[in-house]
Amino acid sequence: MKRILLAALLALGACQTGSANTASGAAIMTALALGSSAVSRSQGGCYAVCQQGETCNEKTGWCEPLPCRGQCRADESCEEGFFGIKCVPGGAITGVTSPAAAPAPAKSVPAPEASPKKDKPPVPDAAKP
C-alpha cells in the first residue's frame, strides 16, 4: 500500500506545469468547490449554480432545462416538433379536456381473411396520374 501511495505522490510531482504551488492551489480550490456545493445542497439548492434557461430541481439537486430554455413570453407556449423547439402563440396548455373531446374507445378490427389470389390492391383515383 505504501508503494502505491509513493508512486502516486511521485506521479503528482512529475506533473509540474508552472510554479511549485500549482498542485496545492488546485487541491485547495477543489476542496472549496466541494464544500460550497455541499452547503448549497444541504440548504435545498442545487449542487451547482444553474445557468440561464435552467432551473434547480430541489428533489434531485441537479439543474434541468426549462421548456424552450426559458425563451417564451407569457402569452406563448413551447412546442417541440420535427424542426426543433420553438415558441408558438397561445397560452400554456393545461392538459384539461372536456368530456365531449374524450377519445372514442378502441374497436377491435377483425383479421383480414386470406384470399387465394395474390392480386395487387386497387390504386385509388387520387393516386393515378
N, C-alpha and C. Protein backbone atom coordinates (compact mmCIF):
# COMPACT_ATOMS: atom_id res chain seq x y z
N MET A 1 0.82 -1.19 0.00
CA MET A 1 0.00 0.00 0.00
C MET A 1 0.87 1.25 0.00
N LYS A 2 1.99 1.17 0.75
CA LYS A 2 2.88 2.33 0.81
C LYS A 2 3.51 2.59 -0.55
N ARG A 3 3.78 1.52 -1.29
CA ARG A 3 4.38 1.69 -2.62
C ARG A 3 3.43 2.42 -3.58
N ILE A 4 2.14 2.09 -3.49
CA ILE A 4 1.16 2.73 -4.35
C ILE A 4 1.06 4.22 -4.01
N LEU A 5 1.02 4.54 -2.73
CA LEU A 5 0.95 5.93 -2.30
C LEU A 5 2.20 6.70 -2.73
N LEU A 6 3.36 6.07 -2.59
CA LEU A 6 4.61 6.71 -3.01
C LEU A 6 4.63 6.94 -4.51
N ALA A 7 4.15 5.97 -5.28
CA ALA A 7 4.10 6.12 -6.74
C ALA A 7 3.13 7.23 -7.13
N ALA A 8 2.01 7.34 -6.43
CA ALA A 8 1.04 8.39 -6.73
C ALA A 8 1.63 9.77 -6.43
N LEU A 9 2.34 9.89 -5.31
CA LEU A 9 2.97 11.17 -4.98
C LEU A 9 4.06 11.53 -5.98
N LEU A 10 4.84 10.57 -6.42
CA LEU A 10 5.86 10.84 -7.43
C LEU A 10 5.22 11.26 -8.75
N ALA A 11 4.14 10.62 -9.10
CA ALA A 11 3.45 10.97 -10.35
C ALA A 11 2.89 12.39 -10.28
N LEU A 12 2.34 12.76 -9.13
CA LEU A 12 1.84 14.13 -8.97
C LEU A 12 2.97 15.14 -9.02
N GLY A 13 4.10 14.78 -8.47
CA GLY A 13 5.24 15.69 -8.50
C GLY A 13 5.79 15.86 -9.90
N ALA A 14 5.65 14.86 -10.73
CA ALA A 14 6.15 14.94 -12.11
C ALA A 14 5.24 15.78 -12.99
N CYS A 15 4.01 16.02 -12.57
CA CYS A 15 3.05 16.79 -13.36
C CYS A 15 3.15 18.27 -13.03
N GLN A 16 4.31 18.81 -13.13
CA GLN A 16 4.51 20.21 -12.80
C GLN A 16 4.40 21.04 -14.07
N THR A 17 3.45 21.99 -14.09
CA THR A 17 3.26 22.80 -15.29
C THR A 17 3.73 24.22 -15.11
N GLY A 18 3.74 24.72 -13.92
CA GLY A 18 4.12 26.11 -13.69
C GLY A 18 4.96 26.21 -12.44
N SER A 19 4.43 26.89 -11.46
CA SER A 19 5.15 27.05 -10.21
C SER A 19 4.95 25.83 -9.32
N ALA A 20 5.63 25.82 -8.22
CA ALA A 20 5.57 24.68 -7.31
C ALA A 20 4.25 24.61 -6.57
N ASN A 21 3.51 25.71 -6.49
CA ASN A 21 2.27 25.70 -5.72
C ASN A 21 1.04 25.46 -6.59
N THR A 22 1.19 25.05 -7.84
CA THR A 22 0.05 24.80 -8.72
C THR A 22 -0.80 23.64 -8.21
N ALA A 23 -0.16 22.54 -7.83
CA ALA A 23 -0.91 21.38 -7.34
C ALA A 23 -1.61 21.69 -6.02
N SER A 24 -0.95 22.41 -5.15
CA SER A 24 -1.58 22.73 -3.87
C SER A 24 -2.73 23.71 -4.08
N GLY A 25 -2.61 24.64 -5.01
CA GLY A 25 -3.69 25.56 -5.32
C GLY A 25 -4.89 24.83 -5.89
N ALA A 26 -4.63 23.85 -6.76
CA ALA A 26 -5.72 23.06 -7.32
C ALA A 26 -6.42 22.25 -6.24
N ALA A 27 -5.66 21.71 -5.32
CA ALA A 27 -6.25 20.92 -4.23
C ALA A 27 -7.10 21.81 -3.33
N ILE A 28 -6.63 23.02 -3.05
CA ILE A 28 -7.40 23.94 -2.20
C ILE A 28 -8.69 24.36 -2.90
N MET A 29 -8.60 24.71 -4.17
CA MET A 29 -9.79 25.15 -4.90
C MET A 29 -10.81 24.01 -5.05
N THR A 30 -10.33 22.79 -5.24
CA THR A 30 -11.23 21.65 -5.34
C THR A 30 -11.96 21.42 -4.02
N ALA A 31 -11.23 21.54 -2.92
CA ALA A 31 -11.85 21.37 -1.60
C ALA A 31 -12.89 22.46 -1.35
N LEU A 32 -12.58 23.69 -1.73
CA LEU A 32 -13.55 24.78 -1.55
C LEU A 32 -14.79 24.57 -2.41
N ALA A 33 -14.61 24.10 -3.65
CA ALA A 33 -15.75 23.86 -4.53
C ALA A 33 -16.64 22.75 -3.98
N LEU A 34 -16.03 21.68 -3.49
CA LEU A 34 -16.81 20.58 -2.92
C LEU A 34 -17.56 21.04 -1.67
N GLY A 35 -16.91 21.86 -0.84
CA GLY A 35 -17.55 22.35 0.37
C GLY A 35 -18.73 23.27 0.06
N SER A 36 -18.55 24.18 -0.88
CA SER A 36 -19.65 25.09 -1.21
C SER A 36 -20.80 24.35 -1.88
N SER A 37 -20.50 23.33 -2.66
CA SER A 37 -21.54 22.51 -3.28
C SER A 37 -22.34 21.77 -2.21
N ALA A 38 -21.64 21.23 -1.21
CA ALA A 38 -22.32 20.51 -0.12
C ALA A 38 -23.20 21.45 0.70
N VAL A 39 -22.72 22.67 0.95
CA VAL A 39 -23.52 23.64 1.72
C VAL A 39 -24.77 24.02 0.92
N SER A 40 -24.60 24.28 -0.37
CA SER A 40 -25.74 24.65 -1.22
C SER A 40 -26.79 23.54 -1.22
N ARG A 41 -26.36 22.30 -1.35
CA ARG A 41 -27.29 21.18 -1.39
C ARG A 41 -27.96 20.97 -0.04
N SER A 42 -27.24 21.18 1.05
CA SER A 42 -27.83 20.98 2.38
C SER A 42 -28.90 22.02 2.68
N GLN A 43 -28.86 23.17 2.00
CA GLN A 43 -29.87 24.20 2.19
C GLN A 43 -31.00 24.09 1.18
N GLY A 44 -31.06 23.00 0.43
CA GLY A 44 -32.16 22.77 -0.51
C GLY A 44 -31.89 23.26 -1.92
N GLY A 45 -30.71 23.77 -2.18
CA GLY A 45 -30.37 24.24 -3.52
C GLY A 45 -29.75 23.14 -4.37
N CYS A 46 -29.22 23.54 -5.50
CA CYS A 46 -28.57 22.59 -6.40
C CYS A 46 -27.09 22.46 -6.06
N TYR A 47 -26.46 21.43 -6.61
CA TYR A 47 -25.04 21.22 -6.41
C TYR A 47 -24.23 22.35 -7.05
N ALA A 48 -24.73 22.92 -8.13
CA ALA A 48 -24.04 23.98 -8.85
C ALA A 48 -25.01 25.13 -9.09
N VAL A 49 -24.49 26.24 -9.57
CA VAL A 49 -25.33 27.37 -9.94
C VAL A 49 -25.93 27.09 -11.31
N CYS A 50 -27.26 27.12 -11.41
CA CYS A 50 -27.91 26.83 -12.68
C CYS A 50 -27.72 27.99 -13.65
N GLN A 51 -27.51 27.67 -14.91
CA GLN A 51 -27.29 28.68 -15.94
C GLN A 51 -28.62 29.22 -16.43
N GLN A 52 -28.56 30.25 -17.28
CA GLN A 52 -29.77 30.82 -17.85
C GLN A 52 -30.48 29.75 -18.69
N GLY A 53 -31.78 29.63 -18.53
CA GLY A 53 -32.55 28.62 -19.26
C GLY A 53 -32.65 27.30 -18.51
N GLU A 54 -32.16 27.27 -17.28
CA GLU A 54 -32.23 26.07 -16.45
C GLU A 54 -32.90 26.42 -15.13
N THR A 55 -33.40 25.40 -14.47
CA THR A 55 -34.00 25.58 -13.15
C THR A 55 -33.49 24.47 -12.23
N CYS A 56 -33.50 24.75 -10.95
CA CYS A 56 -33.00 23.78 -9.97
C CYS A 56 -34.11 22.81 -9.58
N ASN A 57 -33.86 21.53 -9.72
CA ASN A 57 -34.78 20.52 -9.22
C ASN A 57 -34.38 20.24 -7.78
N GLU A 58 -35.20 20.72 -6.84
CA GLU A 58 -34.84 20.63 -5.43
C GLU A 58 -34.84 19.19 -4.92
N LYS A 59 -35.55 18.30 -5.59
CA LYS A 59 -35.58 16.90 -5.16
C LYS A 59 -34.27 16.19 -5.47
N THR A 60 -33.72 16.44 -6.68
CA THR A 60 -32.50 15.74 -7.09
C THR A 60 -31.23 16.55 -6.87
N GLY A 61 -31.36 17.88 -6.86
CA GLY A 61 -30.18 18.72 -6.71
C GLY A 61 -29.49 19.04 -8.02
N TRP A 62 -30.07 18.62 -9.14
CA TRP A 62 -29.46 18.86 -10.45
C TRP A 62 -30.20 19.98 -11.18
N CYS A 63 -29.50 20.68 -12.05
CA CYS A 63 -30.11 21.71 -12.88
C CYS A 63 -30.78 21.04 -14.07
N GLU A 64 -32.01 21.44 -14.38
CA GLU A 64 -32.74 20.87 -15.50
C GLU A 64 -33.15 21.99 -16.46
N PRO A 65 -33.16 21.72 -17.76
CA PRO A 65 -33.52 22.77 -18.72
C PRO A 65 -35.00 23.12 -18.65
N LEU A 66 -35.28 24.42 -18.81
CA LEU A 66 -36.66 24.90 -18.90
C LEU A 66 -37.20 24.62 -20.29
N PRO A 67 -38.52 24.53 -20.47
CA PRO A 67 -39.07 24.39 -21.82
C PRO A 67 -38.63 25.57 -22.68
N CYS A 68 -38.13 25.30 -23.86
CA CYS A 68 -37.61 26.32 -24.79
C CYS A 68 -36.52 27.16 -24.15
N ARG A 69 -35.83 26.60 -23.16
CA ARG A 69 -34.73 27.26 -22.46
C ARG A 69 -35.17 28.59 -21.85
N GLY A 70 -36.47 28.73 -21.53
CA GLY A 70 -37.00 29.93 -20.89
C GLY A 70 -37.12 31.12 -21.82
N GLN A 71 -37.14 30.90 -23.13
CA GLN A 71 -37.17 31.98 -24.10
C GLN A 71 -38.58 32.48 -24.42
N CYS A 72 -39.63 31.72 -24.09
CA CYS A 72 -41.01 32.09 -24.46
C CYS A 72 -41.56 33.17 -23.54
N ARG A 73 -42.40 34.04 -24.11
CA ARG A 73 -43.10 35.05 -23.33
C ARG A 73 -44.28 34.40 -22.61
N ALA A 74 -44.96 35.19 -21.80
CA ALA A 74 -46.09 34.67 -21.03
C ALA A 74 -47.26 34.26 -21.92
N ASP A 75 -47.41 34.92 -23.09
CA ASP A 75 -48.52 34.60 -23.98
C ASP A 75 -48.14 33.56 -25.03
N GLU A 76 -47.01 32.90 -24.86
CA GLU A 76 -46.56 31.86 -25.79
C GLU A 76 -46.38 30.55 -25.05
N SER A 77 -46.39 29.49 -25.81
CA SER A 77 -46.10 28.18 -25.23
C SER A 77 -44.98 27.53 -26.04
N CYS A 78 -44.30 26.59 -25.44
CA CYS A 78 -43.18 25.91 -26.07
C CYS A 78 -43.70 24.68 -26.81
N GLU A 79 -43.28 24.53 -28.04
CA GLU A 79 -43.72 23.38 -28.84
C GLU A 79 -42.49 22.68 -29.40
N GLU A 80 -42.45 21.38 -29.22
CA GLU A 80 -41.34 20.59 -29.73
C GLU A 80 -41.86 19.79 -30.92
N GLY A 81 -41.22 19.94 -32.05
CA GLY A 81 -41.66 19.25 -33.25
C GLY A 81 -40.51 18.71 -34.05
N PHE A 82 -40.79 18.36 -35.30
CA PHE A 82 -39.79 17.78 -36.18
C PHE A 82 -38.63 18.73 -36.44
N PHE A 83 -38.93 20.02 -36.54
CA PHE A 83 -37.91 21.00 -36.87
C PHE A 83 -37.24 21.61 -35.65
N GLY A 84 -37.52 21.09 -34.49
CA GLY A 84 -36.88 21.57 -33.28
C GLY A 84 -37.87 22.14 -32.29
N ILE A 85 -37.35 22.96 -31.39
CA ILE A 85 -38.15 23.53 -30.33
C ILE A 85 -38.37 25.00 -30.65
N LYS A 86 -39.63 25.48 -30.52
CA LYS A 86 -39.93 26.88 -30.81
C LYS A 86 -41.07 27.36 -29.94
N CYS A 87 -41.15 28.69 -29.79
CA CYS A 87 -42.24 29.32 -29.06
C CYS A 87 -43.37 29.62 -30.04
N VAL A 88 -44.58 29.24 -29.69
CA VAL A 88 -45.73 29.47 -30.56
C VAL A 88 -46.76 30.32 -29.82
N PRO A 89 -47.53 31.14 -30.56
CA PRO A 89 -48.56 31.97 -29.90
C PRO A 89 -49.59 31.10 -29.20
N GLY A 90 -50.07 31.58 -28.09
CA GLY A 90 -51.08 30.85 -27.31
C GLY A 90 -50.53 30.54 -25.94
N GLY A 91 -51.42 30.52 -24.97
CA GLY A 91 -51.01 30.25 -23.60
C GLY A 91 -50.58 28.81 -23.42
N ALA A 92 -50.13 28.53 -22.25
CA ALA A 92 -49.70 27.18 -21.94
C ALA A 92 -50.88 26.23 -21.94
N ILE A 93 -50.68 25.04 -22.42
CA ILE A 93 -51.74 24.03 -22.45
C ILE A 93 -51.86 23.43 -21.06
N THR A 94 -53.09 23.38 -20.56
CA THR A 94 -53.29 22.90 -19.19
C THR A 94 -53.45 21.39 -19.13
N GLY A 95 -53.78 20.76 -20.23
CA GLY A 95 -53.98 19.32 -20.22
C GLY A 95 -55.37 18.92 -19.80
N VAL A 96 -56.27 19.88 -19.59
CA VAL A 96 -57.65 19.59 -19.19
C VAL A 96 -58.49 19.49 -20.45
N THR A 97 -59.25 18.42 -20.58
CA THR A 97 -60.12 18.25 -21.74
C THR A 97 -61.56 18.11 -21.28
N SER A 98 -62.47 18.47 -22.14
CA SER A 98 -63.89 18.32 -21.81
C SER A 98 -64.32 16.89 -22.10
N PRO A 99 -65.40 16.43 -21.48
CA PRO A 99 -65.85 15.07 -21.73
C PRO A 99 -66.22 14.84 -23.19
N ALA A 100 -66.67 15.88 -23.90
CA ALA A 100 -67.05 15.71 -25.30
C ALA A 100 -65.83 15.44 -26.17
N ALA A 101 -64.66 15.90 -25.73
CA ALA A 101 -63.45 15.73 -26.53
C ALA A 101 -62.69 14.47 -26.16
N ALA A 102 -63.27 13.64 -25.31
CA ALA A 102 -62.59 12.42 -24.91
C ALA A 102 -62.47 11.49 -26.11
N PRO A 103 -61.36 10.78 -26.23
CA PRO A 103 -61.20 9.89 -27.36
C PRO A 103 -62.19 8.72 -27.30
N ALA A 104 -62.59 8.27 -28.47
CA ALA A 104 -63.52 7.15 -28.55
C ALA A 104 -62.80 5.87 -28.14
N PRO A 105 -63.52 4.95 -27.54
CA PRO A 105 -62.87 3.68 -27.16
C PRO A 105 -62.43 2.92 -28.40
N ALA A 106 -61.35 2.20 -28.25
CA ALA A 106 -60.80 1.45 -29.37
C ALA A 106 -61.72 0.29 -29.74
N LYS A 107 -61.88 0.08 -31.03
CA LYS A 107 -62.69 -1.03 -31.51
C LYS A 107 -61.76 -2.12 -32.01
N SER A 108 -62.20 -3.34 -31.82
CA SER A 108 -61.38 -4.43 -32.34
C SER A 108 -61.67 -4.60 -33.83
N VAL A 109 -60.63 -4.73 -34.59
CA VAL A 109 -60.76 -4.88 -36.04
C VAL A 109 -60.57 -6.36 -36.36
N PRO A 110 -61.51 -6.94 -37.11
CA PRO A 110 -61.35 -8.35 -37.44
C PRO A 110 -60.15 -8.55 -38.37
N ALA A 111 -59.53 -9.67 -38.23
CA ALA A 111 -58.37 -10.00 -39.06
C ALA A 111 -58.83 -10.22 -40.50
N PRO A 112 -58.03 -9.75 -41.47
CA PRO A 112 -58.43 -9.96 -42.87
C PRO A 112 -58.40 -11.44 -43.23
N GLU A 113 -59.34 -11.79 -44.06
CA GLU A 113 -59.40 -13.18 -44.49
C GLU A 113 -58.35 -13.43 -45.55
N ALA A 114 -57.78 -14.59 -45.51
CA ALA A 114 -56.76 -14.94 -46.50
C ALA A 114 -57.43 -15.19 -47.84
N SER A 115 -56.97 -14.48 -48.86
CA SER A 115 -57.56 -14.69 -50.19
C SER A 115 -56.66 -15.62 -50.98
N PRO A 116 -57.25 -16.48 -51.78
CA PRO A 116 -56.44 -17.43 -52.54
C PRO A 116 -55.66 -16.75 -53.67
N LYS A 117 -56.15 -15.63 -54.20
CA LYS A 117 -55.43 -14.99 -55.28
C LYS A 117 -54.49 -13.92 -54.74
N LYS A 118 -53.41 -13.66 -55.41
CA LYS A 118 -52.37 -12.73 -54.98
C LYS A 118 -52.44 -11.46 -55.81
N ASP A 119 -53.63 -10.89 -55.99
CA ASP A 119 -53.77 -9.66 -56.76
C ASP A 119 -53.26 -8.47 -55.96
N LYS A 120 -52.86 -7.43 -56.70
CA LYS A 120 -52.44 -6.19 -56.06
C LYS A 120 -53.69 -5.44 -55.63
N PRO A 121 -53.59 -4.65 -54.58
CA PRO A 121 -54.75 -3.87 -54.16
C PRO A 121 -55.04 -2.78 -55.20
N PRO A 122 -56.28 -2.35 -55.30
CA PRO A 122 -56.62 -1.34 -56.29
C PRO A 122 -55.96 0.00 -55.93
N VAL A 123 -55.60 0.78 -56.96
CA VAL A 123 -54.99 2.10 -56.77
C VAL A 123 -56.11 3.12 -56.69
N PRO A 124 -56.11 3.98 -55.66
CA PRO A 124 -57.15 5.00 -55.56
C PRO A 124 -57.04 5.98 -56.72
N ASP A 125 -58.19 6.60 -57.08
CA ASP A 125 -58.21 7.55 -58.19
C ASP A 125 -57.30 8.75 -57.94
N ALA A 126 -57.15 9.17 -56.69
CA ALA A 126 -56.33 10.34 -56.39
C ALA A 126 -54.86 10.07 -56.66
N ALA A 127 -54.43 8.82 -56.64
CA ALA A 127 -53.03 8.50 -56.86
C ALA A 127 -52.71 8.24 -58.31
N LYS A 128 -53.74 8.18 -59.16
CA LYS A 128 -53.50 7.93 -60.59
C LYS A 128 -53.04 9.21 -61.27
N PRO A 129 -52.15 9.10 -62.27
CA PRO A 129 -51.66 10.30 -62.94
C PRO A 129 -52.68 10.91 -63.86
